[in-house]
Amino acid sequence: MTDPQTSLQPRSGLHPVSVIGAGSFGTALAIHLARRGASALLWGRDGERIAAMQAARENAQYLPGCAFPLLLEATADLSRTVAESEDLLIATPSHALRQTLDALAPLLRPGQGLVAACKGLEPGSGRLVHEVIADRFGTAVPMAVLSGPTFAKELGIGLPTAVTIASPDRDFAEKIAMRLHGGGFRAYWTQDLPGVEIGGAAKNVMAIAVGIADGLQLGANTRAALITRGMAEIMRLAEPLGARAETLMGLAGMGDLVLTCTDNQSRNRRLGLLLAQGKSVADASHEIRQVVEGVKAAPEVLRLARRHGIEMPITEAVSAVLDGRMSPVEAVRALATRPAKAEAG
């Protein structure tokens, strides 16, 4: 039998699914697709960097140590990427999603689907990912979102990973899930777009809070309390958005929250650790050298909460630290001195 990791020939019947966005997660997804036996294109806008990746057969900047399978090609040619693909996985930062959709719009074919692997809310509008896509394309384009507890490095080297695919079109969600499923990668599907998306966006904010607490050496008790109360905040916010509780207790909610809050591969957790050391948001972000989604997500999550009259004290505290209104110590003190209340409140 032909090994899909070493063969130059794609498996029969598998049309290419390309990835838009050559950051760490986009690269890992493209590697996984190529391992599954489909020709995969990985698009990035920086032609010089993409050419270097193609020559080295590795994304040395964002995903070092994860070699490209032979069926993976890095390219800066967006027209070709769209033309040669059945569907497209978008793995850009959430703040770049609308710009990416504008670039794709004149190139898409009828029936060509989009899968967004962005975790965040649109800056300025607070819109969820599927709302941004609907703003641009209405219902004309098959659409799904992908989320779950995923570190790019672990996916890139082939460690077991599980995600949730959400789409209003069950058939499209199942189709994308089956393209990704296998080789240690499990993909589940749902129609609960708000649940999958708000879990993926808000957990980044909670991870910053946990990073701050751990950086201040406040102990395991505090960490557990922040994760638990953070989950309560997310579920309160998700309810008026129409999300299902079982989604929030699944991979895209609790699973992603625990992962992001407890492991130092998380950029958001690392940002919190650096803020606790007294570094500024700008200096900490520069040291991490990749987009930290929670920085832009925090004010948008807070804006969304206020729009629906939802109390989110952890999100309030993180936002205050990020915009300089509180120090990390002051934010923790503000949370610790809140009045006693019923746990369900």
C-alpha atoms as a PDB file:
ATOM      1  CA  MET A   1       0.000   0.000   0.000  1.00  0.00           C
ATOM      2  CA  THR A   2       1.211   3.515  -0.834  1.00  0.00           C
ATOM      3  CA  ASP A   3       2.259   5.653   2.113  1.00  0.00           C
ATOM      4  CA  PRO A   4       0.455   9.057   1.819  1.00  0.00           C
ATOM      5  CA  GLN A   5       3.300  10.787   3.639  1.00  0.00           C
ATOM      6  CA  THR A   6       5.913   9.815   1.058  1.00  0.00           C
ATOM      7  CA  SER A   7       3.911   9.415  -2.164  1.00  0.00           C
ATOM      8  CA  LEU A   8       3.957  12.018  -4.915  1.00  0.00           C
ATOM      9  CA  GLN A   9       0.485  10.886  -5.997  1.00  0.00           C
ATOM     10  CA  PRO A  10      -2.678  11.925  -4.123  1.00  0.00           C
ATOM     11  CA  ARG A  11      -5.235   9.325  -3.155  1.00  0.00           C
ATOM     12  CA  SER A  12      -7.782   8.702  -5.874  1.00  0.00           C
ATOM     13  CA  GLY A  13     -10.940  10.822  -5.622  1.00  0.00           C
ATOM     14  CA  LEU A  14      -9.573  13.353  -3.131  1.00  0.00           C
ATOM     15  CA  HIS A  15      -9.699  16.905  -4.474  1.00  0.00           C
ATOM     16  CA  PRO A  16      -7.333  19.456  -2.939  1.00  0.00           C
ATOM     17  CA  VAL A  17      -8.437  21.381   0.135  1.00  0.00           C
ATOM     18  CA  SER A  18      -6.168  24.385   0.488  1.00  0.00           C
ATOM     19  CA  VAL A  19      -5.324  26.488   3.512  1.00  0.00           C
ATOM     20  CA  ILE A  20      -5.367  30.295   3.461  1.00  0.00           C
ATOM     21  CA  GLY A  21      -2.953  31.608   6.086  1.00  0.00           C
ATOM     22  CA  ALA A  22       0.554  30.271   6.663  1.00  0.00           C
ATOM     23  CA  GLY A  23       0.820  30.832  10.404  1.00  0.00           C
ATOM     24  CA  SER A  24       1.388  27.982  12.833  1.00  0.00           C
ATOM     25  CA  PHE A  25      -2.138  26.531  12.828  1.00  0.00           C
ATOM     26  CA  GLY A  26      -2.688  26.976   9.100  1.00  0.00           C
ATOM     27  CA  THR A  27       0.592  25.212   8.416  1.00  0.00           C
ATOM     28  CA  ALA A  28      -0.312  22.364  10.769  1.00  0.00           C
ATOM     29  CA  LEU A  29      -3.705  21.914   9.086  1.00  0.00           C
ATOM     30  CA  ALA A  30      -2.087  21.845   5.646  1.00  0.00           C
ATOM     31  CA  ILE A  31       0.445  19.260   6.831  1.00  0.00           C
ATOM     32  CA  HIS A  32      -2.357  17.108   8.186  1.00  0.00           C
ATOM     33  CA  LEU A  33      -4.390  17.349   4.958  1.00  0.00           C
ATOM     34  CA  ALA A  34      -1.350  16.305   2.931  1.00  0.00           C
ATOM     35  CA  ARG A  35      -0.709  13.407   5.283  1.00  0.00           C
ATOM     36  CA  ARG A  36      -4.297  12.288   4.668  1.00  0.00           C
ATOM     37  CA  GLY A  37      -3.417  11.790   1.004  1.00  0.00           C
ATOM     38  CA  ALA A  38      -4.785  14.953  -0.622  1.00  0.00           C
ATOM     39  CA  SER A  39      -2.716  17.467  -2.545  1.00  0.00           C
ATOM     40  CA  ALA A  40      -2.709  20.583  -0.374  1.00  0.00           C
ATOM     41  CA  LEU A  41      -1.749  24.161  -1.094  1.00  0.00           C
ATOM     42  CA  LEU A  42      -0.723  26.456   1.770  1.00  0.00           C
ATOM     43  CA  TRP A  43      -1.141  30.112   0.851  1.00  0.00           C
ATOM     44  CA  GLY A  44       0.592  33.071   2.476  1.00  0.00           C
ATOM     45  CA  ARG A  45       0.847  36.688   1.355  1.00  0.00           C
ATOM     46  CA  ASP A  46       4.608  37.155   1.894  1.00  0.00           C
ATOM     47  CA  GLY A  47       6.094  35.772  -1.330  1.00  0.00           C
ATOM     48  CA  GLU A  48       9.684  35.773  -0.086  1.00  0.00           C
ATOM     49  CA  ARG A  49       8.840  33.900   3.101  1.00  0.00           C
ATOM     50  CA  ILE A  50       6.606  31.432   1.264  1.00  0.00           C
ATOM     51  CA  ALA A  51       9.382  30.696  -1.251  1.00  0.00           C
ATOM     52  CA  ALA A  52      11.778  30.044   1.635  1.00  0.00           C
ATOM     53  CA  MET A  53       9.253  27.667   3.234  1.00  0.00           C
ATOM     54  CA  GLN A  54       8.789  25.791  -0.028  1.00  0.00           C
ATOM     55  CA  ALA A  55      12.552  25.455  -0.492  1.00  0.00           C
ATOM     56  CA  ALA A  56      13.181  24.339   3.102  1.00  0.00           C
ATOM     57  CA  ARG A  57      10.033  22.146   3.222  1.00  0.00           C
ATOM     58  CA  GLU A  58       9.287  23.615   6.638  1.00  0.00           C
ATOM     59  CA  ASN A  59       7.729  26.721   8.181  1.00  0.00           C
ATOM     60  CA  ALA A  60      10.816  27.566  10.205  1.00  0.00           C
ATOM     61  CA  GLN A  61       9.341  30.804  11.565  1.00  0.00           C
ATOM     62  CA  TYR A  62       6.023  29.552  12.942  1.00  0.00           C
ATOM     63  CA  LEU A  63       6.198  25.752  13.040  1.00  0.00           C
ATOM     64  CA  PRO A  64       9.823  24.595  13.167  1.00  0.00           C
ATOM     65  CA  GLY A  65      10.510  20.874  13.234  1.00  0.00           C
ATOM     66  CA  CYS A  66       7.375  19.906  11.259  1.00  0.00           C
ATOM     67  CA  ALA A  67       8.479  18.777   7.816  1.00  0.00           C
ATOM     68  CA  PHE A  68       6.179  19.247   4.843  1.00  0.00           C
ATOM     69  CA  PRO A  69       4.796  16.034   3.307  1.00  0.00           C
ATOM     70  CA  LEU A  70       5.483  15.672  -0.401  1.00  0.00           C
ATOM     71  CA  LEU A  71       1.858  16.436  -1.258  1.00  0.00           C
ATOM     72  CA  LEU A  72       2.052  19.891   0.386  1.00  0.00           C
ATOM     73  CA  GLU A  73       3.090  22.979  -1.562  1.00  0.00           C
ATOM     74  CA  ALA A  74       3.480  26.497  -0.176  1.00  0.00           C
ATOM     75  CA  THR A  75       2.469  29.274  -2.575  1.00  0.00           C
ATOM     76  CA  ALA A  76       1.843  33.022  -2.646  1.00  0.00           C
ATOM     77  CA  ASP A  77      -0.453  32.723  -5.693  1.00  0.00           C
ATOM     78  CA  LEU A  78      -3.975  33.200  -4.342  1.00  0.00           C
ATOM     79  CA  SER A  79      -5.723  32.808  -7.703  1.00  0.00           C
ATOM     80  CA  ARG A  80      -4.088  29.455  -8.290  1.00  0.00           C
ATOM     81  CA  THR A  81      -4.795  28.328  -4.747  1.00  0.00           C
ATOM     82  CA  VAL A  82      -8.517  28.978  -5.140  1.00  0.00           C
ATOM     83  CA  ALA A  83      -8.706  27.611  -8.691  1.00  0.00           C
ATOM     84  CA  GLU A  84      -7.074  24.297  -7.804  1.00  0.00           C
ATOM     85  CA  SER A  85      -9.044  23.654  -4.602  1.00  0.00           C
ATOM     86  CA  GLU A  86     -12.378  22.051  -3.864  1.00  0.00           C
ATOM     87  CA  ASP A  87     -12.836  23.920  -0.565  1.00  0.00           C
ATOM     88  CA  LEU A  88     -10.757  26.419   1.411  1.00  0.00           C
ATOM     89  CA  LEU A  89      -9.693  26.436   5.059  1.00  0.00           C
ATOM     90  CA  ILE A  90      -9.103  29.981   6.349  1.00  0.00           C
ATOM     91  CA  ALA A  91      -6.576  30.097   9.181  1.00  0.00           C
ATOM     92  CA  THR A  92      -5.789  33.795   9.344  1.00  0.00           C
ATOM     93  CA  PRO A  93      -6.130  35.765  12.603  1.00  0.00           C
ATOM     94  CA  SER A  94      -9.763  36.715  13.216  1.00  0.00           C
ATOM     95  CA  HIS A  95      -9.039  40.436  12.754  1.00  0.00           C
ATOM     96  CA  ALA A  96      -7.885  39.710   9.177  1.00  0.00           C
ATOM     97  CA  LEU A  97     -10.908  37.582   8.242  1.00  0.00           C
ATOM     98  CA  ARG A  98     -12.972  40.241   6.471  1.00  0.00           C
ATOM     99  CA  GLN A  99      -9.978  41.400   4.417  1.00  0.00           C
ATOM    100  CA  THR A 100      -9.296  37.777   3.479  1.00  0.00           C
ATOM    101  CA  LEU A 101     -12.906  37.238   2.414  1.00  0.00           C
ATOM    102  CA  ASP A 102     -12.753  40.370   0.246  1.00  0.00           C
ATOM    103  CA  ALA A 103      -9.674  38.976  -1.507  1.00  0.00           C
ATOM    104  CA  LEU A 104     -11.330  35.590  -2.050  1.00  0.00           C
ATOM    105  CA  ALA A 105     -14.708  36.910  -3.244  1.00  0.00           C
ATOM    106  CA  PRO A 106     -13.853  37.458  -6.940  1.00  0.00           C
ATOM    107  CA  LEU A 107     -12.042  34.117  -7.127  1.00  0.00           C
ATOM    108  CA  LEU A 108     -14.559  31.694  -5.593  1.00  0.00           C
ATOM    109  CA  ARG A 109     -16.488  29.268  -7.807  1.00  0.00           C
ATOM    110  CA  PRO A 110     -20.163  28.423  -7.215  1.00  0.00           C
ATOM    111  CA  GLY A 111     -20.417  25.721  -4.564  1.00  0.00           C
ATOM    112  CA  GLN A 112     -16.854  26.189  -3.308  1.00  0.00           C
ATOM    113  CA  GLY A 113     -16.941  26.097   0.495  1.00  0.00           C
ATOM    114  CA  LEU A 114     -15.159  28.043   3.223  1.00  0.00           C
ATOM    115  CA  VAL A 115     -14.067  26.639   6.590  1.00  0.00           C
ATOM    116  CA  ALA A 116     -12.877  29.259   9.090  1.00  0.00           C
ATOM    117  CA  ALA A 117     -10.342  28.144  11.682  1.00  0.00           C
ATOM    118  CA  CYS A 118     -10.255  31.603  13.301  1.00  0.00           C
ATOM    119  CA  LYS A 119     -10.832  31.982  17.041  1.00  0.00           C
ATOM    120  CA  GLY A 120     -11.987  35.460  17.891  1.00  0.00           C
ATOM    121  CA  LEU A 121     -14.469  38.249  17.293  1.00  0.00           C
ATOM    122  CA  GLU A 122     -14.219  40.933  14.644  1.00  0.00           C
ATOM    123  CA  PRO A 123     -12.580  44.051  16.126  1.00  0.00           C
ATOM    124  CA  GLY A 124     -14.948  46.999  16.303  1.00  0.00           C
ATOM    125  CA  SER A 125     -18.138  45.073  15.579  1.00  0.00           C
ATOM    126  CA  GLY A 126     -17.852  42.107  17.960  1.00  0.00           C
ATOM    127  CA  ARG A 127     -19.283  39.874  15.236  1.00  0.00           C
ATOM    128  CA  LEU A 128     -18.797  36.132  15.373  1.00  0.00           C
ATOM    129  CA  VAL A 129     -16.869  34.490  12.537  1.00  0.00           C
ATOM    130  CA  HIS A 130     -19.947  33.059  10.826  1.00  0.00           C
ATOM    131  CA  GLU A 131     -21.614  36.474  10.975  1.00  0.00           C
ATOM    132  CA  VAL A 132     -18.659  38.078   9.191  1.00  0.00           C
ATOM    133  CA  ILE A 133     -18.840  35.416   6.467  1.00  0.00           C
ATOM    134  CA  ALA A 134     -22.603  35.886   6.153  1.00  0.00           C
ATOM    135  CA  ASP A 135     -22.104  39.669   5.874  1.00  0.00           C
ATOM    136  CA  ARG A 136     -19.865  39.100   2.865  1.00  0.00           C
ATOM    137  CA  PHE A 137     -21.531  36.184   1.110  1.00  0.00           C
ATOM    138  CA  GLY A 138     -25.004  35.689   2.585  1.00  0.00           C
ATOM    139  CA  THR A 139     -25.992  32.059   2.170  1.00  0.00           C
ATOM    140  CA  ALA A 140     -24.415  31.700  -1.279  1.00  0.00           C
ATOM    141  CA  VAL A 141     -21.234  30.035  -0.025  1.00  0.00           C
ATOM    142  CA  PRO A 142     -21.173  26.758   1.967  1.00  0.00           C
ATOM    143  CA  MET A 143     -19.601  27.675   5.303  1.00  0.00           C
ATOM    144  CA  ALA A 144     -18.290  26.050   8.485  1.00  0.00           C
ATOM    145  CA  VAL A 145     -16.101  26.927  11.439  1.00  0.00           C
ATOM    146  CA  LEU A 146     -13.453  24.698  13.011  1.00  0.00           C
ATOM    147  CA  SER A 147     -12.472  24.920  16.674  1.00  0.00           C
ATOM    148  CA  GLY A 148     -11.286  22.824  19.571  1.00  0.00           C
ATOM    149  CA  PRO A 149      -8.308  22.147  21.850  1.00  0.00           C
ATOM    150  CA  THR A 150      -5.488  22.302  19.325  1.00  0.00           C
ATOM    151  CA  PHE A 151      -1.860  23.305  19.623  1.00  0.00           C
ATOM    152  CA  ALA A 152      -0.354  23.627  16.172  1.00  0.00           C
ATOM    153  CA  LYS A 153       2.941  21.958  17.043  1.00  0.00           C
ATOM    154  CA  GLU A 154       1.246  18.801  18.298  1.00  0.00           C
ATOM    155  CA  LEU A 155      -0.955  18.586  15.213  1.00  0.00           C
ATOM    156  CA  GLY A 156       2.061  19.279  13.012  1.00  0.00           C
ATOM    157  CA  ILE A 157       4.045  16.343  14.373  1.00  0.00           C
ATOM    158  CA  GLY A 158       1.027  14.056  14.208  1.00  0.00           C
ATOM    159  CA  LEU A 159      -0.020  13.743  17.848  1.00  0.00           C
ATOM    160  CA  PRO A 160      -3.706  12.882  18.487  1.00  0.00           C
ATOM    161  CA  THR A 161      -6.022  15.874  18.117  1.00  0.00           C
ATOM    162  CA  ALA A 162      -9.798  16.387  18.191  1.00  0.00           C
ATOM    163  CA  VAL A 163     -11.877  19.301  16.891  1.00  0.00           C
ATOM    164  CA  THR A 164     -15.465  20.307  16.258  1.00  0.00           C
ATOM    165  CA  ILE A 165     -16.769  21.420  12.848  1.00  0.00           C
ATOM    166  CA  ALA A 166     -19.863  23.621  13.020  1.00  0.00           C
ATOM    167  CA  SER A 167     -22.054  24.548  10.069  1.00  0.00           C
ATOM    168  CA  PRO A 168     -25.709  25.339   9.416  1.00  0.00           C
ATOM    169  CA  ASP A 169     -25.374  22.783   6.592  1.00  0.00           C
ATOM    170  CA  ARG A 170     -24.972  19.379   8.240  1.00  0.00           C
ATOM    171  CA  ASP A 171     -23.879  17.755   4.974  1.00  0.00           C
ATOM    172  CA  PHE A 172     -21.085  20.297   4.499  1.00  0.00           C
ATOM    173  CA  ALA A 173     -19.966  19.927   8.135  1.00  0.00           C
ATOM    174  CA  GLU A 174     -19.861  16.149   7.759  1.00  0.00           C
ATOM    175  CA  LYS A 175     -17.991  16.420   4.457  1.00  0.00           C
ATOM    176  CA  ILE A 176     -15.247  18.604   6.003  1.00  0.00           C
ATOM    177  CA  ALA A 177     -15.079  16.438   9.112  1.00  0.00           C
ATOM    178  CA  MET A 178     -14.527  13.330   7.006  1.00  0.00           C
ATOM    179  CA  ARG A 179     -11.767  15.043   5.002  1.00  0.00           C
ATOM    180  CA  LEU A 180      -9.907  15.823   8.223  1.00  0.00           C
ATOM    181  CA  HIS A 181     -10.771  12.696  10.218  1.00  0.00           C
ATOM    182  CA  GLY A 182      -8.084  10.037  10.476  1.00  0.00           C
ATOM    183  CA  GLY A 183      -4.407   9.626  11.238  1.00  0.00           C
ATOM    184  CA  GLY A 184      -4.991  10.352  14.923  1.00  0.00           C
ATOM    185  CA  PHE A 185      -7.190  13.349  14.126  1.00  0.00           C
ATOM    186  CA  ARG A 186     -10.833  13.144  15.219  1.00  0.00           C
ATOM    187  CA  ALA A 187     -13.366  15.577  13.804  1.00  0.00           C
ATOM    188  CA  TYR A 188     -16.891  15.883  15.173  1.00  0.00           C
ATOM    189  CA  TRP A 189     -19.669  18.007  13.676  1.00  0.00           C
ATOM    190  CA  THR A 190     -22.489  20.144  14.990  1.00  0.00           C
ATOM    191  CA  GLN A 191     -24.860  22.871  13.814  1.00  0.00           C
ATOM    192  CA  ASP A 192     -24.194  25.005  16.919  1.00  0.00           C
ATOM    193  CA  LEU A 193     -22.133  27.810  15.407  1.00  0.00           C
ATOM    194  CA  PRO A 194     -22.490  30.289  18.327  1.00  0.00           C
ATOM    195  CA  GLY A 195     -21.430  27.691  20.895  1.00  0.00           C
ATOM    196  CA  VAL A 196     -18.332  26.639  18.982  1.00  0.00           C
ATOM    197  CA  GLU A 197     -17.321  30.216  18.193  1.00  0.00           C
ATOM    198  CA  ILE A 198     -17.878  31.927  21.545  1.00  0.00           C
ATOM    199  CA  GLY A 199     -16.021  29.107  23.281  1.00  0.00           C
ATOM    200  CA  GLY A 200     -13.037  29.591  20.972  1.00  0.00           C
ATOM    201  CA  ALA A 201     -12.997  33.366  21.378  1.00  0.00           C
ATOM    202  CA  ALA A 202     -13.627  33.815  25.096  1.00  0.00           C
ATOM    203  CA  LYS A 203     -11.280  31.086  26.294  1.00  0.00           C
ATOM    204  CA  ASN A 204      -8.324  33.211  25.132  1.00  0.00           C
ATOM    205  CA  VAL A 205      -9.356  35.946  27.556  1.00  0.00           C
ATOM    206  CA  MET A 206      -9.587  33.457  30.426  1.00  0.00           C
ATOM    207  CA  ALA A 207      -6.159  32.072  29.572  1.00  0.00           C
ATOM    208  CA  ILE A 208      -4.637  35.530  29.980  1.00  0.00           C
ATOM    209  CA  ALA A 209      -6.231  35.734  33.437  1.00  0.00           C
ATOM    210  CA  VAL A 210      -4.875  32.326  34.434  1.00  0.00           C
ATOM    211  CA  GLY A 211      -1.436  33.261  33.100  1.00  0.00           C
ATOM    212  CA  ILE A 212      -1.444  36.409  35.225  1.00  0.00           C
ATOM    213  CA  ALA A 213      -2.448  34.450  38.337  1.00  0.00           C
ATOM    214  CA  ASP A 214       0.203  31.793  37.751  1.00  0.00           C
ATOM    215  CA  GLY A 215       2.787  34.472  37.013  1.00  0.00           C
ATOM    216  CA  LEU A 216       1.964  36.026  40.369  1.00  0.00           C
ATOM    217  CA  GLN A 217       2.379  32.550  41.949  1.00  0.00           C
ATOM    218  CA  LEU A 218      -1.152  32.491  43.336  1.00  0.00           C
ATOM    219  CA  GLY A 219      -1.288  28.709  43.289  1.00  0.00           C
ATOM    220  CA  ALA A 220      -3.318  25.826  41.936  1.00  0.00           C
ATOM    221  CA  ASN A 221      -6.446  26.763  43.899  1.00  0.00           C
ATOM    222  CA  THR A 222      -6.621  30.120  42.143  1.00  0.00           C
ATOM    223  CA  ARG A 223      -5.975  28.522  38.762  1.00  0.00           C
ATOM    224  CA  ALA A 224      -8.832  26.056  39.238  1.00  0.00           C
ATOM    225  CA  ALA A 225     -11.164  28.804  40.434  1.00  0.00           C
ATOM    226  CA  LEU A 226     -10.402  31.038  37.451  1.00  0.00           C
ATOM    227  CA  ILE A 227     -10.934  28.228  34.948  1.00  0.00           C
ATOM    228  CA  THR A 228     -14.223  27.231  36.573  1.00  0.00           C
ATOM    229  CA  ARG A 229     -15.573  30.750  36.952  1.00  0.00           C
ATOM    230  CA  GLY A 230     -14.280  31.575  33.483  1.00  0.00           C
ATOM    231  CA  MET A 231     -16.365  28.720  32.140  1.00  0.00           C
ATOM    232  CA  ALA A 232     -19.371  30.130  33.987  1.00  0.00           C
ATOM    233  CA  GLU A 233     -18.820  33.513  32.311  1.00  0.00           C
ATOM    234  CA  ILE A 234     -18.578  31.914  28.874  1.00  0.00           C
ATOM    235  CA  MET A 235     -21.774  29.934  29.394  1.00  0.00           C
ATOM    236  CA  ARG A 236     -23.655  33.034  30.580  1.00  0.00           C
ATOM    237  CA  LEU A 237     -22.588  34.887  27.453  1.00  0.00           C
ATOM    238  CA  ALA A 238     -23.341  31.963  25.160  1.00  0.00           C
ATOM    239  CA  GLU A 239     -26.956  31.565  26.283  1.00  0.00           C
ATOM    240  CA  PRO A 240     -28.431  34.714  24.682  1.00  0.00           C
ATOM    241  CA  LEU A 241     -26.460  33.950  21.517  1.00  0.00           C
ATOM    242  CA  GLY A 242     -28.420  30.724  21.143  1.00  0.00           C
ATOM    243  CA  ALA A 243     -25.564  28.353  22.001  1.00  0.00           C
ATOM    244  CA  ARG A 244     -26.168  24.913  23.468  1.00  0.00           C
ATOM    245  CA  ALA A 245     -24.802  24.038  26.903  1.00  0.00           C
ATOM    246  CA  GLU A 246     -23.536  20.667  25.681  1.00  0.00           C
ATOM    247  CA  THR A 247     -21.380  22.427  23.070  1.00  0.00           C
ATOM    248  CA  LEU A 248     -19.761  24.566  25.758  1.00  0.00           C
ATOM    249  CA  MET A 249     -19.037  21.455  27.820  1.00  0.00           C
ATOM    250  CA  GLY A 250     -17.414  19.791  24.803  1.00  0.00           C
ATOM    251  CA  LEU A 251     -14.229  20.173  22.777  1.00  0.00           C
ATOM    252  CA  ALA A 252     -14.804  23.733  21.575  1.00  0.00           C
ATOM    253  CA  GLY A 253     -15.725  24.957  25.063  1.00  0.00           C
ATOM    254  CA  MET A 254     -14.343  23.234  28.143  1.00  0.00           C
ATOM    255  CA  GLY A 255     -11.746  21.290  26.162  1.00  0.00           C
ATOM    256  CA  ASP A 256     -10.234  24.378  24.570  1.00  0.00           C
ATOM    257  CA  LEU A 257     -10.479  26.380  27.801  1.00  0.00           C
ATOM    258  CA  VAL A 258      -8.550  23.816  29.845  1.00  0.00           C
ATOM    259  CA  LEU A 259      -5.888  23.408  27.151  1.00  0.00           C
ATOM    260  CA  THR A 260      -5.326  27.132  26.689  1.00  0.00           C
ATOM    261  CA  CYS A 261      -5.252  27.931  30.398  1.00  0.00           C
ATOM    262  CA  THR A 262      -2.911  25.185  31.557  1.00  0.00           C
ATOM    263  CA  ASP A 263      -0.115  24.694  29.019  1.00  0.00           C
ATOM    264  CA  ASN A 264       2.662  27.112  28.136  1.00  0.00           C
ATOM    265  CA  GLN A 265       2.267  26.399  24.428  1.00  0.00           C
ATOM    266  CA  SER A 266      -0.687  28.801  24.740  1.00  0.00           C
ATOM    267  CA  ARG A 267       0.276  32.289  23.601  1.00  0.00           C
ATOM    268  CA  ASN A 268      -2.527  33.791  25.691  1.00  0.00           C
ATOM    269  CA  ARG A 269      -1.355  32.071  28.853  1.00  0.00           C
ATOM    270  CA  ARG A 270       2.229  33.141  28.107  1.00  0.00           C
ATOM    271  CA  LEU A 271       1.079  36.728  27.650  1.00  0.00           C
ATOM    272  CA  GLY A 272      -0.474  36.636  31.113  1.00  0.00           C
ATOM    273  CA  LEU A 273       2.729  35.224  32.592  1.00  0.00           C
ATOM    274  CA  LEU A 274       4.750  38.052  31.012  1.00  0.00           C
ATOM    275  CA  LEU A 275       2.286  40.730  32.164  1.00  0.00           C
ATOM    276  CA  ALA A 276       2.640  39.405  35.703  1.00  0.00           C
ATOM    277  CA  GLN A 277       6.395  40.001  35.381  1.00  0.00           C
ATOM    278  CA  GLY A 278       5.679  43.686  34.753  1.00  0.00           C
ATOM    279  CA  LYS A 279       6.065  43.676  30.967  1.00  0.00           C
ATOM    280  CA  SER A 280       3.799  45.811  28.815  1.00  0.00           C
ATOM    281  CA  VAL A 281       1.305  44.269  26.406  1.00  0.00           C
ATOM    282  CA  ALA A 282       3.429  45.467  23.485  1.00  0.00           C
ATOM    283  CA  ASP A 283       6.666  44.034  24.885  1.00  0.00           C
ATOM    284  CA  ALA A 284       5.034  40.743  25.849  1.00  0.00           C
ATOM    285  CA  SER A 285       3.419  40.382  22.408  1.00  0.00           C
ATOM    286  CA  HIS A 286       6.751  41.141  20.742  1.00  0.00           C
ATOM    287  CA  GLU A 287       8.462  38.465  22.814  1.00  0.00           C
ATOM    288  CA  ILE A 288       5.832  35.874  21.859  1.00  0.00           C
ATOM    289  CA  ARG A 289       6.284  36.833  18.172  1.00  0.00           C
ATOM    290  CA  GLN A 290       2.875  35.631  17.047  1.00  0.00           C
ATOM    291  CA  VAL A 291      -0.645  37.057  17.196  1.00  0.00           C
ATOM    292  CA  VAL A 292      -2.125  36.747  20.690  1.00  0.00           C
ATOM    293  CA  GLU A 293      -5.837  36.557  19.912  1.00  0.00           C
ATOM    294  CA  GLY A 294      -6.962  37.360  23.466  1.00  0.00           C
ATOM    295  CA  VAL A 295      -5.606  40.913  23.251  1.00  0.00           C
ATOM    296  CA  LYS A 296      -8.111  41.870  20.565  1.00  0.00           C
ATOM    297  CA  ALA A 297     -10.791  39.459  21.799  1.00  0.00           C
ATOM    298  CA  ALA A 298     -11.066  40.814  25.367  1.00  0.00           C
ATOM    299  CA  PRO A 299     -12.670  44.200  24.578  1.00  0.00           C
ATOM    300  CA  GLU A 300     -14.960  42.576  21.987  1.00  0.00           C
ATOM    301  CA  VAL A 301     -16.108  39.853  24.384  1.00  0.00           C
ATOM    302  CA  LEU A 302     -16.751  42.565  26.971  1.00  0.00           C
ATOM    303  CA  ARG A 303     -18.674  44.683  24.451  1.00  0.00           C
ATOM    304  CA  LEU A 304     -20.803  41.677  23.526  1.00  0.00           C
ATOM    305  CA  ALA A 305     -21.470  40.926  27.191  1.00  0.00           C
ATOM    306  CA  ARG A 306     -22.579  44.492  27.916  1.00  0.00           C
ATOM    307  CA  ARG A 307     -24.833  44.441  24.854  1.00  0.00           C
ATOM    308  CA  HIS A 308     -26.669  41.480  26.383  1.00  0.00           C
ATOM    309  CA  GLY A 309     -26.485  42.659  30.001  1.00  0.00           C
ATOM    310  CA  ILE A 310     -24.155  39.808  31.035  1.00  0.00           C
ATOM    311  CA  GLU A 311     -21.772  40.199  33.987  1.00  0.00           C
ATOM    312  CA  MET A 312     -18.236  38.963  33.185  1.00  0.00           C
ATOM    313  CA  PRO A 313     -15.882  40.101  35.975  1.00  0.00           C
ATOM    314  CA  ILE A 314     -12.847  38.093  34.803  1.00  0.00           C
ATOM    315  CA  THR A 315     -13.198  39.529  31.317  1.00  0.00           C
ATOM    316  CA  GLU A 316     -13.586  43.016  32.844  1.00  0.00           C
ATOM    317  CA  ALA A 317     -10.374  42.560  34.832  1.00  0.00           C
ATOM    318  CA  VAL A 318      -8.366  41.256  31.873  1.00  0.00           C
ATOM    319  CA  SER A 319      -9.591  44.114  29.668  1.00  0.00           C
ATOM    320  CA  ALA A 320      -8.575  46.619  32.342  1.00  0.00           C
ATOM    321  CA  VAL A 321      -5.054  45.152  32.469  1.00  0.00           C
ATOM    322  CA  LEU A 322      -4.716  45.118  28.682  1.00  0.00           C
ATOM    323  CA  ASP A 323      -5.737  48.764  28.277  1.00  0.00           C
ATOM    324  CA  GLY A 324      -3.634  49.941  31.228  1.00  0.00           C
ATOM    325  CA  ARG A 325      -6.417  50.835  33.682  1.00  0.00           C
ATOM    326  CA  MET A 326      -5.228  48.213  36.200  1.00  0.00           C
ATOM    327  CA  SER A 327      -2.013  46.439  37.013  1.00  0.00           C
ATOM    328  CA  PRO A 328      -2.100  42.629  37.194  1.00  0.00           C
ATOM    329  CA  VAL A 329      -1.991  42.802  41.008  1.00  0.00           C
ATOM    330  CA  GLU A 330      -4.852  45.317  41.114  1.00  0.00           C
ATOM    331  CA  ALA A 331      -6.944  43.150  38.780  1.00  0.00           C
ATOM    332  CA  VAL A 332      -6.486  40.059  40.925  1.00  0.00           C
ATOM    333  CA  ARG A 333      -7.282  42.068  44.062  1.00  0.00           C
ATOM    334  CA  ALA A 334     -10.476  43.379  42.442  1.00  0.00           C
ATOM    335  CA  LEU A 335     -11.597  39.824  41.660  1.00  0.00           C
ATOM    336  CA  ALA A 336     -10.663  38.545  45.102  1.00  0.00           C
ATOM    337  CA  THR A 337     -12.668  41.230  46.916  1.00  0.00           C
ATOM    338  CA  ARG A 338     -15.919  40.792  44.995  1.00  0.00           C
ATOM    339  CA  PRO A 339     -18.971  40.181  47.246  1.00  0.00           C
ATOM    340  CA  ALA A 340     -20.008  36.620  48.098  1.00  0.00           C
ATOM    341  CA  LYS A 341     -22.809  35.229  45.954  1.00  0.00           C
ATOM    342  CA  ALA A 342     -24.549  32.017  44.936  1.00  0.00           C
ATOM    343  CA  GLU A 343     -22.364  29.902  42.644  1.00  0.00           C
ATOM    344  CA  ALA A 344     -25.016  29.691  39.954  1.00  0.00           C
ATOM    345  CA  GLY A 345     -25.165  33.486  39.700  1.00  0.00           C
END
